[in-house]
Amino acid sequence: MINRTVYHKGDISTLVGGDIIILGRQPAYDDGRTIVKHVTLPSCGVIYEINTEGLTIREPEIAPVWKGHYNNGFEGKEWIADTIPQEFYKIKKLILSRFANDPEAFSLNIDDNSEVGLQTAIETIQKEFKNRKTAADKFKEFLTTLNDGQRRNSSKIKKWQLENK
């Protein structure tokens, strides 16, 4: 389990504004799957490649009562690194997504882990986030023009989304 990683230019989770995930509340609408009361903004996922050679690690601290149930019965030892300094990892991919398996997820492979390469990738992710936030603002504005019955009609909402892609 990784509690945190160390990145010289700040926490990577601040790429797109930290914890801005939900774009306010409005009356409920049908999103095609269920009735929801918010427009979800994407968050940024980071995929790391970690080199464990020379990394400071420790065995997990497990209460004796849990030892028989630990790790779902799998055999073998586990090791934990409480922190991972920057020289032990490379950022491989950034993913901008609203939820797991989001069909509209934006994925960016990182081939250059230099400061310039990472900054370019961060700027690309920030630009895409701004575009998606603008689109979410327009969608929220559209929802406010509908009455309650229209908001619960997913075909009307889907039609607007197709016209405004």
C-alpha atoms as a PDB file:
ATOM      1  CA  MET A   1       0.000   0.000   0.000  1.00  0.00           C
ATOM      2  CA  ILE A   2       1.334   3.435  -0.907  1.00  0.00           C
ATOM      3  CA  ASN A   3       0.359   6.187   1.509  1.00  0.00           C
ATOM      4  CA  ARG A   4       1.946   8.913  -0.590  1.00  0.00           C
ATOM      5  CA  THR A   5       4.562   9.607  -3.196  1.00  0.00           C
ATOM      6  CA  VAL A   6       6.931  12.536  -3.205  1.00  0.00           C
ATOM      7  CA  TYR A   7       6.922  14.836  -6.218  1.00  0.00           C
ATOM      8  CA  HIS A   8       9.236  17.856  -6.271  1.00  0.00           C
ATOM      9  CA  LYS A   9       6.830  20.314  -7.913  1.00  0.00           C
ATOM     10  CA  GLY A  10       3.886  19.564  -5.631  1.00  0.00           C
ATOM     11  CA  ASP A  11       1.189  16.971  -5.262  1.00  0.00           C
ATOM     12  CA  ILE A  12       0.108  15.494  -8.599  1.00  0.00           C
ATOM     13  CA  SER A  13      -3.521  15.486  -7.386  1.00  0.00           C
ATOM     14  CA  THR A  14      -3.561  19.275  -7.828  1.00  0.00           C
ATOM     15  CA  LEU A  15      -3.290  18.865 -11.613  1.00  0.00           C
ATOM     16  CA  VAL A  16      -6.898  19.755 -12.258  1.00  0.00           C
ATOM     17  CA  GLY A  17      -7.819  21.716  -9.174  1.00  0.00           C
ATOM     18  CA  GLY A  18      -7.684  19.121  -6.422  1.00  0.00           C
ATOM     19  CA  ASP A  19     -11.011  18.044  -5.035  1.00  0.00           C
ATOM     20  CA  ILE A  20     -13.351  19.755  -7.539  1.00  0.00           C
ATOM     21  CA  ILE A  21     -15.400  16.746  -8.569  1.00  0.00           C
ATOM     22  CA  ILE A  22     -19.050  17.756  -8.529  1.00  0.00           C
ATOM     23  CA  LEU A  23     -20.339  20.818 -10.324  1.00  0.00           C
ATOM     24  CA  GLY A  24     -22.940  21.914  -7.808  1.00  0.00           C
ATOM     25  CA  ARG A  25     -26.437  20.581  -7.263  1.00  0.00           C
ATOM     26  CA  GLN A  26     -29.495  21.139  -9.375  1.00  0.00           C
ATOM     27  CA  PRO A  27     -32.893  19.472  -9.642  1.00  0.00           C
ATOM     28  CA  ALA A  28     -32.784  15.742 -10.393  1.00  0.00           C
ATOM     29  CA  TYR A  29     -32.460  14.575 -13.998  1.00  0.00           C
ATOM     30  CA  ASP A  30     -32.293  11.242 -15.848  1.00  0.00           C
ATOM     31  CA  ASP A  31     -28.765  10.524 -17.083  1.00  0.00           C
ATOM     32  CA  GLY A  32     -29.852   7.427 -18.998  1.00  0.00           C
ATOM     33  CA  ARG A  33     -29.007   5.041 -16.166  1.00  0.00           C
ATOM     34  CA  THR A  34     -30.518   6.591 -13.062  1.00  0.00           C
ATOM     35  CA  ILE A  35     -31.868   9.830 -11.590  1.00  0.00           C
ATOM     36  CA  VAL A  36     -29.017  12.066 -10.380  1.00  0.00           C
ATOM     37  CA  LYS A  37     -28.758  15.500  -8.772  1.00  0.00           C
ATOM     38  CA  HIS A  38     -25.305  16.580  -9.927  1.00  0.00           C
ATOM     39  CA  VAL A  39     -23.072  16.922 -12.965  1.00  0.00           C
ATOM     40  CA  THR A  40     -19.850  15.005 -12.378  1.00  0.00           C
ATOM     41  CA  LEU A  41     -16.532  16.480 -13.461  1.00  0.00           C
ATOM     42  CA  PRO A  42     -13.588  14.216 -14.248  1.00  0.00           C
ATOM     43  CA  SER A  43     -10.744  13.657 -11.830  1.00  0.00           C
ATOM     44  CA  CYS A  44      -7.165  12.853 -12.752  1.00  0.00           C
ATOM     45  CA  GLY A  45      -5.785   9.355 -12.235  1.00  0.00           C
ATOM     46  CA  VAL A  46      -2.041   8.741 -12.277  1.00  0.00           C
ATOM     47  CA  ILE A  47      -0.408   5.442 -13.254  1.00  0.00           C
ATOM     48  CA  TYR A  48       3.092   4.957 -11.871  1.00  0.00           C
ATOM     49  CA  GLU A  49       5.868   2.497 -12.657  1.00  0.00           C
ATOM     50  CA  ILE A  50       7.738   1.846  -9.406  1.00  0.00           C
ATOM     51  CA  ASN A  51      11.291   0.498  -9.191  1.00  0.00           C
ATOM     52  CA  THR A  52      11.552  -1.395  -5.875  1.00  0.00           C
ATOM     53  CA  GLU A  53      15.333  -1.980  -5.976  1.00  0.00           C
ATOM     54  CA  GLY A  54      16.851  -0.026  -3.085  1.00  0.00           C
ATOM     55  CA  LEU A  55      13.461   1.204  -1.853  1.00  0.00           C
ATOM     56  CA  THR A  56      12.977   1.307   1.936  1.00  0.00           C
ATOM     57  CA  ILE A  57      10.318  -1.273   2.751  1.00  0.00           C
ATOM     58  CA  ARG A  58       8.895  -3.016   5.819  1.00  0.00           C
ATOM     59  CA  GLU A  59       6.651  -5.940   6.617  1.00  0.00           C
ATOM     60  CA  PRO A  60       3.033  -5.042   7.370  1.00  0.00           C
ATOM     61  CA  GLU A  61       1.985  -4.776  10.998  1.00  0.00           C
ATOM     62  CA  ILE A  62      -0.881  -7.230  11.412  1.00  0.00           C
ATOM     63  CA  ALA A  63      -2.743  -8.036  14.620  1.00  0.00           C
ATOM     64  CA  PRO A  64      -2.440 -11.765  15.450  1.00  0.00           C
ATOM     65  CA  VAL A  65      -6.209 -12.213  15.176  1.00  0.00           C
ATOM     66  CA  TRP A  66      -6.100 -11.199  11.483  1.00  0.00           C
ATOM     67  CA  LYS A  67      -3.100 -13.293  10.416  1.00  0.00           C
ATOM     68  CA  GLY A  68      -5.240 -16.242   9.281  1.00  0.00           C
ATOM     69  CA  HIS A  69      -7.522 -14.002   7.191  1.00  0.00           C
ATOM     70  CA  TYR A  70      -4.943 -11.553   5.925  1.00  0.00           C
ATOM     71  CA  ASN A  71      -4.575 -11.172   2.156  1.00  0.00           C
ATOM     72  CA  ASN A  72      -7.644 -13.340   1.392  1.00  0.00           C
ATOM     73  CA  GLY A  73      -5.715 -16.521   2.051  1.00  0.00           C
ATOM     74  CA  PHE A  74      -3.053 -15.936  -0.604  1.00  0.00           C
ATOM     75  CA  GLU A  75       0.398 -17.289   0.182  1.00  0.00           C
ATOM     76  CA  GLY A  76       3.579 -15.244   0.299  1.00  0.00           C
ATOM     77  CA  LYS A  77       4.905 -12.182   2.048  1.00  0.00           C
ATOM     78  CA  GLU A  78       3.920  -8.599   1.472  1.00  0.00           C
ATOM     79  CA  TRP A  79       6.073  -5.540   1.906  1.00  0.00           C
ATOM     80  CA  ILE A  80       5.068  -1.932   2.399  1.00  0.00           C
ATOM     81  CA  ALA A  81       6.821   1.284   1.392  1.00  0.00           C
ATOM     82  CA  ASP A  82       5.424   4.202   3.395  1.00  0.00           C
ATOM     83  CA  THR A  83       6.830   6.791   0.995  1.00  0.00           C
ATOM     84  CA  ILE A  84       8.278   6.496  -2.480  1.00  0.00           C
ATOM     85  CA  PRO A  85      10.847   9.162  -3.402  1.00  0.00           C
ATOM     86  CA  GLN A  86      10.744  10.510  -6.963  1.00  0.00           C
ATOM     87  CA  GLU A  87      13.879   8.646  -8.070  1.00  0.00           C
ATOM     88  CA  PHE A  88      12.045   5.318  -7.558  1.00  0.00           C
ATOM     89  CA  TYR A  89       9.063   5.949  -9.837  1.00  0.00           C
ATOM     90  CA  LYS A  90       8.104   7.190 -13.268  1.00  0.00           C
ATOM     91  CA  ILE A  91       4.713   8.524 -14.249  1.00  0.00           C
ATOM     92  CA  LYS A  92       3.492   6.339 -17.123  1.00  0.00           C
ATOM     93  CA  LYS A  93       0.002   7.663 -17.825  1.00  0.00           C
ATOM     94  CA  LEU A  94      -2.492  10.343 -16.797  1.00  0.00           C
ATOM     95  CA  ILE A  95      -6.198   9.566 -17.103  1.00  0.00           C
ATOM     96  CA  LEU A  96      -9.002  12.124 -16.913  1.00  0.00           C
ATOM     97  CA  SER A  97     -12.225  10.284 -16.122  1.00  0.00           C
ATOM     98  CA  ARG A  98     -15.572  10.823 -14.378  1.00  0.00           C
ATOM     99  CA  PHE A  99     -15.820   7.223 -13.147  1.00  0.00           C
ATOM    100  CA  ALA A 100     -14.304   3.773 -13.703  1.00  0.00           C
ATOM    101  CA  ASN A 101     -14.774   2.531 -17.271  1.00  0.00           C
ATOM    102  CA  ASP A 102     -15.850   5.987 -18.447  1.00  0.00           C
ATOM    103  CA  PRO A 103     -16.256   5.661 -22.245  1.00  0.00           C
ATOM    104  CA  GLU A 104     -15.233   9.318 -22.597  1.00  0.00           C
ATOM    105  CA  ALA A 105     -12.054   9.000 -20.515  1.00  0.00           C
ATOM    106  CA  PHE A 106      -9.067  11.007 -21.753  1.00  0.00           C
ATOM    107  CA  SER A 107      -5.796   9.083 -21.507  1.00  0.00           C
ATOM    108  CA  LEU A 108      -2.307  10.526 -21.979  1.00  0.00           C
ATOM    109  CA  ASN A 109       0.782   8.285 -22.130  1.00  0.00           C
ATOM    110  CA  ILE A 110       3.906   9.861 -20.639  1.00  0.00           C
ATOM    111  CA  ASP A 111       7.101   8.950 -22.504  1.00  0.00           C
ATOM    112  CA  ASP A 112       9.227  11.814 -21.189  1.00  0.00           C
ATOM    113  CA  ASN A 113       9.512  12.043 -17.370  1.00  0.00           C
ATOM    114  CA  SER A 114      11.714  15.147 -17.463  1.00  0.00           C
ATOM    115  CA  GLU A 115      10.430  18.336 -15.850  1.00  0.00           C
ATOM    116  CA  VAL A 116       9.584  19.742 -19.296  1.00  0.00           C
ATOM    117  CA  GLY A 117       7.829  16.539 -20.408  1.00  0.00           C
ATOM    118  CA  LEU A 118       5.763  16.329 -17.229  1.00  0.00           C
ATOM    119  CA  GLN A 119       4.868  20.020 -17.387  1.00  0.00           C
ATOM    120  CA  THR A 120       3.689  19.597 -20.985  1.00  0.00           C
ATOM    121  CA  ALA A 121       1.546  16.612 -19.948  1.00  0.00           C
ATOM    122  CA  ILE A 122       0.117  18.530 -16.987  1.00  0.00           C
ATOM    123  CA  GLU A 123      -0.784  21.468 -19.237  1.00  0.00           C
ATOM    124  CA  THR A 124      -2.512  19.083 -21.678  1.00  0.00           C
ATOM    125  CA  ILE A 125      -4.551  17.524 -18.851  1.00  0.00           C
ATOM    126  CA  GLN A 126      -5.441  20.962 -17.451  1.00  0.00           C
ATOM    127  CA  LYS A 127      -6.588  22.135 -20.899  1.00  0.00           C
ATOM    128  CA  GLU A 128      -8.763  19.030 -21.359  1.00  0.00           C
ATOM    129  CA  PHE A 129     -10.199  19.495 -17.853  1.00  0.00           C
ATOM    130  CA  LYS A 130     -11.124  23.112 -18.649  1.00  0.00           C
ATOM    131  CA  ASN A 131     -12.834  21.973 -21.865  1.00  0.00           C
ATOM    132  CA  ARG A 132     -14.822  19.348 -19.976  1.00  0.00           C
ATOM    133  CA  LYS A 133     -15.713  21.801 -17.204  1.00  0.00           C
ATOM    134  CA  THR A 134     -16.976  24.278 -19.812  1.00  0.00           C
ATOM    135  CA  ALA A 135     -19.088  21.526 -21.398  1.00  0.00           C
ATOM    136  CA  ALA A 136     -20.424  20.541 -17.956  1.00  0.00           C
ATOM    137  CA  ASP A 137     -21.322  24.193 -17.249  1.00  0.00           C
ATOM    138  CA  LYS A 138     -23.261  24.358 -20.539  1.00  0.00           C
ATOM    139  CA  PHE A 139     -25.040  21.098 -19.687  1.00  0.00           C
ATOM    140  CA  LYS A 140     -25.938  22.374 -16.228  1.00  0.00           C
ATOM    141  CA  GLU A 141     -27.256  25.584 -17.781  1.00  0.00           C
ATOM    142  CA  PHE A 142     -29.360  23.516 -20.231  1.00  0.00           C
ATOM    143  CA  LEU A 143     -30.810  21.496 -17.332  1.00  0.00           C
ATOM    144  CA  THR A 144     -31.991  24.679 -15.606  1.00  0.00           C
ATOM    145  CA  THR A 145     -34.080  25.561 -18.694  1.00  0.00           C
ATOM    146  CA  LEU A 146     -36.076  22.307 -18.428  1.00  0.00           C
ATOM    147  CA  ASN A 147     -39.079  21.671 -16.235  1.00  0.00           C
ATOM    148  CA  ASP A 148     -39.150  18.667 -13.888  1.00  0.00           C
ATOM    149  CA  GLY A 149     -40.856  16.349 -16.382  1.00  0.00           C
ATOM    150  CA  GLN A 150     -38.421  17.225 -19.173  1.00  0.00           C
ATOM    151  CA  ARG A 151     -35.404  16.601 -16.908  1.00  0.00           C
ATOM    152  CA  ARG A 152     -36.684  13.083 -16.261  1.00  0.00           C
ATOM    153  CA  ASN A 153     -36.905  12.381 -20.001  1.00  0.00           C
ATOM    154  CA  SER A 154     -33.529  10.886 -20.899  1.00  0.00           C
ATOM    155  CA  SER A 155     -34.203  11.026 -24.661  1.00  0.00           C
ATOM    156  CA  LYS A 156     -34.467  14.837 -24.585  1.00  0.00           C
ATOM    157  CA  ILE A 157     -31.217  15.057 -22.608  1.00  0.00           C
ATOM    158  CA  LYS A 158     -29.408  12.595 -24.909  1.00  0.00           C
ATOM    159  CA  LYS A 159     -30.560  14.575 -27.953  1.00  0.00           C
ATOM    160  CA  TRP A 160     -29.089  17.778 -26.486  1.00  0.00           C
ATOM    161  CA  GLN A 161     -25.828  15.978 -25.640  1.00  0.00           C
ATOM    162  CA  LEU A 162     -25.484  14.647 -29.204  1.00  0.00           C
ATOM    163  CA  GLU A 163     -26.129  18.098 -30.673  1.00  0.00           C
ATOM    164  CA  ASN A 164     -23.577  19.728 -28.343  1.00  0.00           C
ATOM    165  CA  LYS A 165     -20.593  17.380 -28.600  1.00  0.00           C
END
